[in-house]
Amino acid sequence: MASEDEFQLFTSLRYDPLLLQSEENSKAILNFVTPSPFYMLAYHRDRMVEAAQHFDFFEVEKRLKDGKALHEELLKRVQDEIKKTGKDEAMKLRLLFDKAANLTVEFTPIPAVPLSTLYPPSLDPPSLSPPHHPANPNPNTTTKPFTPSPLTDGALHLGPTDSLPAGDSSQSSQPPPPPPEWKIAVDTSPTPSSPFTLLKTTKREMYDQSRERALPANPAGPAYREVMLYNEVRELTEGTLTSLYLFRGGRRAVKRIFEQDVEG
């Protein structure tokens, strides 16, 4: 367990060769070298600089001044990893700096996603109710009953030996997998705000304790589980693994006040 004198600064960012095709990711405010396979590297650098300044990691601050050099260092490390694995694929890079500015990079393969997921053209308002399915007509509406497609000879589902006619375009492109479903809980006790909750370091005991309090010991169901933290004045602050984006009053906001009872 890291003490206040024994911790590292870190950030986690996406490496993805698909980002080399993204005009959005090539903007100068997001990357120091363009095109870049690193997702918003400039933002990650700036966040680490802020943490280095606060915690007096002077050598880290000096090393991070040259954003282009950081890009080239990370690219070299990625290339070395690709040589070891033989795979040039999307990866999560976890960058850790100790106080002497020694850099450790940890690599974790992550699922591929389309560019529209990384840079969506718009953020649609959340649906208040699930979309109506034609196979389950609502008696209060005039929705027509579901009619099976003649392409499947009236079958609702294709079996393991069934196939669509060769000319059907639905076999030529597979739809992207649905996004993972998250199960979210609210913490049962406040987490006091501190520099260690504001800035990213390896001192994460408060997040581990939150998950121990609010999540079951042996959870059933999806692996994606998160806890929303709140502070002493009952404001939502963040998740243990994620940032919070809420939709209120017709717009999206980050870390809005949690006005309802936290036990509810």
Protein backbone atom coordinates (compact mmCIF):
# COMPACT_ATOMS: atom_id res chain seq x y z
CA MET A 1 0.00 0.00 0.00
CA ALA A 2 1.55 3.32 -1.13
CA SER A 3 2.15 6.00 1.46
CA GLU A 4 2.01 9.71 0.77
CA ASP A 5 5.79 9.59 0.22
CA GLU A 6 5.73 6.44 -1.93
CA PHE A 7 3.56 6.81 -4.97
CA GLN A 8 3.81 7.36 -8.69
CA LEU A 9 1.98 9.66 -11.06
CA PHE A 10 0.13 7.87 -13.82
CA THR A 11 -2.26 8.18 -16.69
CA SER A 12 -3.86 5.61 -18.98
CA LEU A 13 -4.36 6.32 -22.67
CA ARG A 14 -5.34 4.48 -25.82
CA TYR A 15 -2.94 3.46 -28.56
CA ASP A 16 -4.80 2.53 -31.72
CA PRO A 17 -3.43 2.39 -35.30
CA LEU A 18 -6.94 3.32 -36.47
CA LEU A 19 -6.41 6.78 -34.96
CA LEU A 20 -3.90 7.53 -37.73
CA GLN A 21 -6.96 7.94 -39.99
CA SER A 22 -8.69 10.41 -37.66
CA GLU A 23 -8.64 14.08 -38.62
CA GLU A 24 -10.08 14.95 -35.20
CA ASN A 25 -7.26 13.21 -33.35
CA SER A 26 -4.73 15.05 -35.54
CA LYS A 27 -5.68 18.47 -34.19
CA ALA A 28 -2.76 20.33 -32.63
CA ILE A 29 -4.62 20.76 -29.32
CA LEU A 30 -4.88 16.97 -28.97
CA ASN A 31 -1.50 15.69 -30.18
CA PHE A 32 2.07 16.91 -30.56
CA VAL A 33 2.75 14.88 -33.71
CA THR A 34 0.15 14.26 -36.41
CA PRO A 35 -1.21 11.91 -37.43
CA SER A 36 -0.93 10.16 -34.10
CA PRO A 37 -1.98 6.69 -32.90
CA PHE A 38 -2.31 8.06 -29.34
CA TYR A 39 -5.72 9.24 -28.17
CA MET A 40 -5.54 12.88 -27.00
CA LEU A 41 -1.94 12.58 -25.81
CA ALA A 42 -1.70 16.34 -25.17
CA TYR A 43 -4.48 16.17 -22.58
CA HIS A 44 -2.79 13.29 -20.80
CA ARG A 45 0.53 15.14 -20.78
CA ASP A 46 -1.08 18.27 -19.36
CA ARG A 47 -2.79 16.28 -16.61
CA MET A 48 0.49 14.65 -15.61
CA VAL A 49 2.24 18.04 -15.58
CA GLU A 50 -0.44 19.42 -13.25
CA ALA A 51 0.09 16.49 -10.87
CA ALA A 52 3.89 16.84 -11.08
CA GLN A 53 3.66 20.52 -10.16
CA HIS A 54 1.38 19.87 -7.22
CA PHE A 55 3.41 17.03 -5.72
CA ASP A 56 6.81 18.61 -6.49
CA PHE A 57 7.87 15.92 -8.96
CA PHE A 58 10.24 18.45 -10.51
CA GLU A 59 12.11 15.96 -12.70
CA VAL A 60 8.84 14.64 -14.12
CA GLU A 61 7.70 18.17 -14.97
CA LYS A 62 10.97 18.81 -16.81
CA ARG A 63 10.73 15.55 -18.73
CA LEU A 64 7.17 16.28 -19.84
CA LYS A 65 7.92 19.76 -21.21
CA ASP A 66 8.77 18.37 -24.65
CA GLY A 67 5.53 16.86 -25.92
CA LYS A 68 7.09 15.68 -29.18
CA ALA A 69 9.79 13.81 -27.27
CA LEU A 70 7.08 12.13 -25.16
CA HIS A 71 5.28 11.03 -28.33
CA GLU A 72 8.49 9.58 -29.79
CA GLU A 73 9.36 7.78 -26.54
CA LEU A 74 5.92 6.18 -26.32
CA LEU A 75 5.97 5.22 -30.00
CA LYS A 76 9.33 3.48 -29.53
CA ARG A 77 7.98 1.57 -26.53
CA VAL A 78 4.90 0.55 -28.52
CA GLN A 79 7.04 -0.64 -31.42
CA ASP A 80 9.11 -2.75 -29.04
CA GLU A 81 5.91 -4.27 -27.66
CA ILE A 82 4.64 -5.01 -31.16
CA LYS A 83 7.90 -6.82 -31.95
CA LYS A 84 7.40 -9.00 -28.87
CA THR A 85 3.74 -9.84 -29.49
CA GLY A 86 3.66 -9.71 -33.28
CA LYS A 87 0.40 -7.75 -33.08
CA ASP A 88 -0.21 -4.12 -33.94
CA GLU A 89 -3.57 -3.64 -32.28
CA ALA A 90 -5.40 -1.35 -29.91
CA MET A 91 -3.78 -1.24 -26.48
CA LYS A 92 -4.17 0.60 -23.20
CA LEU A 93 -0.91 2.23 -22.18
CA ARG A 94 -0.52 2.87 -18.46
CA LEU A 95 2.24 5.44 -17.95
CA LEU A 96 3.82 5.64 -14.50
CA PHE A 97 6.43 8.19 -13.36
CA ASP A 98 8.30 8.00 -10.09
CA LYS A 99 9.75 11.12 -8.48
CA ALA A 100 13.06 10.69 -10.33
CA ALA A 101 11.14 10.74 -13.65
CA ASN A 102 11.73 7.07 -14.43
CA LEU A 103 8.99 6.02 -16.83
CA THR A 104 7.29 2.62 -16.79
CA VAL A 105 4.77 1.72 -19.50
CA GLU A 106 2.35 -1.17 -19.04
CA PHE A 107 0.51 -2.59 -22.06
CA THR A 108 -2.95 -4.18 -22.05
CA PRO A 109 -4.84 -5.28 -25.21
CA ILE A 110 -8.27 -3.66 -25.47
CA PRO A 111 -11.23 -4.22 -27.82
CA ALA A 112 -11.29 -2.56 -31.21
CA VAL A 113 -13.91 0.15 -31.70
CA PRO A 114 -14.88 2.31 -34.70
CA LEU A 115 -13.64 5.89 -34.91
CA SER A 116 -17.21 7.06 -34.37
CA THR A 117 -16.99 5.67 -30.84
CA LEU A 118 -13.79 7.59 -30.06
CA TYR A 119 -14.99 10.78 -31.74
CA PRO A 120 -18.81 10.63 -31.95
CA PRO A 121 -20.34 13.22 -34.30
CA SER A 122 -22.99 13.98 -31.67
CA LEU A 123 -24.11 12.93 -28.21
CA ASP A 124 -27.76 12.01 -28.41
CA PRO A 125 -29.98 12.51 -25.34
CA PRO A 126 -30.54 9.30 -23.40
CA SER A 127 -33.73 7.40 -24.14
CA LEU A 128 -36.22 7.58 -21.29
CA SER A 129 -37.77 4.27 -22.31
CA PRO A 130 -36.58 1.34 -24.43
CA PRO A 131 -37.55 1.56 -28.10
CA HIS A 132 -40.73 -0.23 -29.04
CA HIS A 133 -40.17 -3.56 -30.74
CA PRO A 134 -42.57 -4.51 -33.55
CA ALA A 135 -42.71 -8.13 -32.34
CA ASN A 136 -44.37 -6.97 -29.12
CA PRO A 137 -47.17 -4.63 -30.18
CA ASN A 138 -48.52 -2.32 -27.52
CA PRO A 139 -52.31 -2.65 -27.28
CA ASN A 140 -52.52 1.11 -26.66
CA THR A 141 -50.99 1.91 -30.05
CA THR A 142 -51.76 1.13 -33.65
CA THR A 143 -48.44 -0.63 -34.26
CA LYS A 144 -48.75 -3.34 -36.89
CA PRO A 145 -47.89 -6.93 -35.86
CA PHE A 146 -44.45 -8.20 -36.75
CA THR A 147 -44.20 -9.90 -40.15
CA PRO A 148 -41.30 -12.36 -40.55
CA SER A 149 -39.03 -11.78 -43.52
CA PRO A 150 -39.54 -14.10 -46.50
CA LEU A 151 -35.75 -14.40 -46.65
CA THR A 152 -35.92 -16.74 -43.65
CA ASP A 153 -39.02 -18.65 -44.85
CA GLY A 154 -40.97 -17.20 -41.96
CA ALA A 155 -38.47 -18.23 -39.27
CA LEU A 156 -37.85 -15.73 -36.49
CA HIS A 157 -34.32 -16.98 -35.83
CA LEU A 158 -31.67 -18.55 -38.02
CA GLY A 159 -30.35 -21.87 -36.78
CA PRO A 160 -26.73 -23.03 -36.92
CA THR A 161 -27.27 -24.63 -40.35
CA ASP A 162 -29.45 -21.84 -41.79
CA SER A 163 -28.20 -19.04 -44.02
CA LEU A 164 -29.57 -16.10 -45.91
CA PRO A 165 -29.57 -16.04 -49.72
CA ALA A 166 -26.14 -15.26 -51.16
CA GLY A 167 -27.28 -11.92 -52.53
CA ASP A 168 -28.37 -10.59 -49.13
CA SER A 169 -26.11 -7.77 -47.95
CA SER A 170 -26.57 -8.53 -44.27
CA GLN A 171 -23.88 -11.24 -44.44
CA SER A 172 -21.28 -8.96 -46.00
CA SER A 173 -20.84 -6.75 -42.97
CA GLN A 174 -21.23 -7.68 -39.35
CA PRO A 175 -22.73 -5.04 -37.05
CA PRO A 176 -20.41 -3.81 -34.30
CA PRO A 177 -20.89 -5.52 -30.94
CA PRO A 178 -23.12 -3.65 -28.50
CA PRO A 179 -21.36 -1.56 -25.85
CA PRO A 180 -20.88 -3.23 -22.47
CA GLU A 181 -23.63 -2.81 -19.90
CA TRP A 182 -22.47 -1.27 -16.63
CA LYS A 183 -23.98 -1.91 -13.23
CA ILE A 184 -23.61 1.23 -11.12
CA ALA A 185 -23.89 1.63 -7.34
CA VAL A 186 -23.66 4.71 -5.15
CA ASP A 187 -21.12 4.56 -2.34
CA THR A 188 -22.50 4.14 1.16
CA SER A 189 -20.11 6.67 2.75
CA PRO A 190 -18.54 9.93 1.55
CA THR A 191 -14.98 10.04 0.23
CA PRO A 192 -13.27 13.27 1.37
CA SER A 193 -11.81 15.35 -1.43
CA SER A 194 -8.03 15.58 -1.50
CA PRO A 195 -5.18 16.04 -3.98
CA PHE A 196 -5.17 12.26 -4.37
CA THR A 197 -8.79 12.28 -5.58
CA LEU A 198 -8.18 15.31 -7.82
CA LEU A 199 -4.94 14.07 -9.43
CA LYS A 200 -4.06 10.62 -10.75
CA THR A 201 -1.55 8.74 -8.63
CA THR A 202 -0.98 5.15 -7.57
CA LYS A 203 -2.32 6.05 -4.10
CA ARG A 204 -5.78 4.59 -4.65
CA GLU A 205 -6.79 3.15 -1.29
CA MET A 206 -9.87 5.36 -1.15
CA TYR A 207 -11.18 3.86 -4.39
CA ASP A 208 -10.50 0.29 -3.26
CA GLN A 209 -12.33 0.98 0.00
CA SER A 210 -15.29 2.44 -1.87
CA ARG A 211 -15.62 -0.66 -4.03
CA GLU A 212 -15.36 -2.91 -0.97
CA ARG A 213 -18.18 -0.98 0.72
CA ALA A 214 -20.59 -0.68 -2.18
CA LEU A 215 -20.10 -3.79 -4.31
CA PRO A 216 -20.98 -7.36 -3.36
CA ALA A 217 -18.09 -9.63 -2.48
CA ASN A 218 -19.01 -12.12 -5.22
CA PRO A 219 -20.94 -10.17 -7.83
CA ALA A 220 -23.04 -12.06 -10.34
CA GLY A 221 -23.63 -10.78 -13.82
CA PRO A 222 -21.57 -8.39 -15.95
CA ALA A 223 -17.95 -7.72 -15.11
CA TYR A 224 -18.48 -4.01 -15.68
CA ARG A 225 -19.31 -2.65 -12.23
CA GLU A 226 -18.73 0.87 -10.96
CA VAL A 227 -19.27 2.91 -7.80
CA MET A 228 -20.13 6.60 -7.80
CA LEU A 229 -18.26 8.56 -5.11
CA TYR A 230 -19.58 11.63 -3.31
CA ASN A 231 -17.89 14.09 -0.96
CA GLU A 232 -18.66 15.57 2.46
CA VAL A 233 -21.19 18.05 1.07
CA ARG A 234 -23.08 15.38 -0.90
CA GLU A 235 -21.74 16.23 -4.34
CA LEU A 236 -21.04 13.49 -6.82
CA THR A 237 -17.35 13.60 -7.62
CA GLU A 238 -16.30 10.65 -9.80
CA GLY A 239 -16.34 6.91 -10.25
CA THR A 240 -13.71 4.58 -8.87
CA LEU A 241 -12.65 3.76 -12.45
CA THR A 242 -14.41 6.37 -14.57
CA SER A 243 -15.45 10.00 -14.90
CA LEU A 244 -19.13 10.85 -14.49
CA TYR A 245 -21.15 12.45 -17.27
CA LEU A 246 -24.78 13.12 -16.36
CA PHE A 247 -27.69 14.36 -18.48
CA ARG A 248 -29.72 16.99 -16.63
CA GLY A 249 -31.82 19.91 -17.73
CA GLY A 250 -31.45 19.03 -21.40
CA ARG A 251 -27.65 19.00 -21.40
CA ARG A 252 -24.71 16.91 -20.34
CA ALA A 253 -22.61 17.85 -17.35
CA VAL A 254 -19.74 16.39 -15.38
CA LYS A 255 -19.82 15.77 -11.63
CA ARG A 256 -23.14 17.44 -10.92
CA ILE A 257 -24.56 17.67 -7.38
CA PHE A 258 -26.26 14.50 -6.21
CA GLU A 259 -29.49 15.82 -4.75
CA GLN A 260 -31.27 12.61 -3.84
CA ASP A 261 -30.72 10.45 -0.78
CA VAL A 262 -27.53 8.50 -1.22
CA GLU A 263 -29.08 5.46 0.43
CA GLY A 264 -31.81 5.29 -2.19
